[in-house]
Protein backbone atom coordinates (compact mmCIF):
# COMPACT_ATOMS: atom_id res chain seq x y z
CA UNK A 1 91.55 99.77 115.29
CA UNK A 2 91.42 98.27 111.82
CA UNK A 3 88.09 96.60 111.01
CA UNK A 4 86.87 95.06 107.80
CA UNK A 5 83.45 96.15 106.66
CA UNK A 6 81.22 94.13 104.37
CA UNK A 7 80.48 95.38 100.85
CA UNK A 8 76.85 95.78 101.94
CA UNK A 9 77.93 98.06 104.80
CA UNK A 10 80.02 100.12 102.38
CA UNK A 11 77.09 100.49 99.96
CA UNK A 12 74.73 101.44 102.80
CA UNK A 13 77.16 104.02 104.17
CA UNK A 14 77.67 105.60 100.74
CA UNK A 15 73.92 105.65 100.14
CA UNK A 16 73.36 107.33 103.52
CA UNK A 17 76.11 109.84 102.74
CA UNK A 18 74.51 110.70 99.39
CA UNK A 19 71.17 111.26 101.15
CA UNK A 20 72.74 113.36 103.93
CA UNK A 21 74.88 115.64 101.73
CA UNK A 22 72.13 118.16 100.86
CA UNK A 23 71.44 118.69 104.57
CA UNK A 24 75.06 119.68 105.34
CA UNK A 25 77.15 122.70 104.32
CA UNK A 26 80.04 120.55 103.01
CA UNK A 27 81.10 116.98 102.36
CA UNK A 28 83.13 116.56 105.55
CA UNK A 29 80.23 117.67 107.71
CA UNK A 30 78.03 115.02 106.09
CA UNK A 31 80.81 112.42 106.38
CA UNK A 32 81.22 113.09 110.10
CA UNK A 33 77.45 112.89 110.64
CA UNK A 34 76.96 109.59 108.78
CA UNK A 35 80.14 108.03 110.21
CA UNK A 36 78.91 108.90 113.71
CA UNK A 37 75.55 107.26 113.02
CA UNK A 38 77.28 104.10 111.80
CA UNK A 39 79.97 104.02 114.47
CA UNK A 40 82.88 104.19 112.06
CA UNK A 41 85.79 106.49 111.43
CA UNK A 42 84.97 109.51 109.28
CA UNK A 43 88.24 108.88 107.42
CA UNK A 44 87.04 105.41 106.39
CA UNK A 45 83.85 106.85 104.97
CA UNK A 46 85.73 109.70 103.28
CA UNK A 47 88.07 107.22 101.58
CA UNK A 48 85.14 105.09 100.46
CA UNK A 49 83.53 108.20 98.96
CA UNK A 50 86.75 109.14 97.20
CA UNK A 51 87.15 105.59 95.81
CA UNK A 52 83.52 105.64 94.63
CA UNK A 53 84.04 108.96 92.82
CA UNK A 54 87.21 107.70 91.11
CA UNK A 55 85.57 104.41 90.08
CA UNK A 56 82.56 106.33 88.73
CA UNK A 57 84.85 108.59 86.69
CA UNK A 58 83.76 111.73 88.53
CA UNK A 59 87.26 112.37 89.93
CA UNK A 60 90.64 111.58 88.39
CA UNK A 61 92.60 108.63 89.70
CA UNK A 62 93.27 104.94 89.26
CA UNK A 63 90.08 102.88 89.42
CA UNK A 64 89.78 99.85 91.68
CA UNK A 65 89.77 97.53 88.65
CA UNK A 66 92.88 99.15 87.21
CA UNK A 67 94.65 99.01 90.58
CA UNK A 68 93.83 95.30 90.92
CA UNK A 69 95.11 94.63 87.38
CA UNK A 70 98.32 96.56 88.09
CA UNK A 71 98.87 94.55 91.27
CA UNK A 72 98.25 91.28 89.40
CA UNK A 73 100.67 92.26 86.64
CA UNK A 74 103.35 93.32 89.13
CA UNK A 75 103.08 89.92 90.81
CA UNK A 76 103.31 88.19 87.43
CA UNK A 77 106.40 90.24 86.46
CA UNK A 78 108.08 89.30 89.76
CA UNK A 79 107.35 85.60 89.14
CA UNK A 80 108.66 85.84 85.58
CA UNK A 81 111.85 87.55 86.77
CA UNK A 82 112.44 84.73 89.26
CA UNK A 83 111.86 82.13 86.56
CA UNK A 84 114.24 84.01 84.26
CA UNK A 85 116.97 83.98 86.91
CA UNK A 86 116.50 80.23 87.39
CA UNK A 87 116.70 79.63 83.65
CA UNK A 88 119.83 81.78 83.35
CA UNK A 89 121.52 79.85 86.17
CA UNK A 90 120.50 76.55 84.59
CA UNK A 91 121.84 77.59 81.18
CA UNK A 92 125.21 78.56 82.73
CA UNK A 93 125.33 75.22 84.56
CA UNK A 94 124.58 73.19 81.43
CA UNK A 95 126.97 75.25 79.31
CA UNK A 96 129.74 74.39 81.76
CA UNK A 97 128.76 70.71 81.61
CA UNK A 98 129.01 70.77 77.80
CA UNK A 99 132.44 72.43 77.89
CA UNK A 100 133.84 69.75 80.24
CA UNK A 101 135.84 67.03 78.55
CA UNK A 102 134.13 63.69 78.64
CA UNK A 103 135.64 61.12 81.02
CA UNK A 104 134.37 58.14 79.04
């Protein structure tokens, strides 16, 4: 089941996880505990924790901001490639029109 959680829920869950970590022998134990309290998948909470650590610079990886910028740029490149193909086709069409002898 794929559910969307609000940003407030994410912040609360991460705050609860940070508070629960000292009481558990490892991260996954704390994740399972907090996820159970909140009625969510431990994997969801683990991924949120991982994303938080990457965004904070604690762990290596692509930050959320950088990932969003990459996605935006990839979309822009795709649009520019389409526009380029249209312009190439148009230039071939008009070049052929110019090479045609005039019927006037």
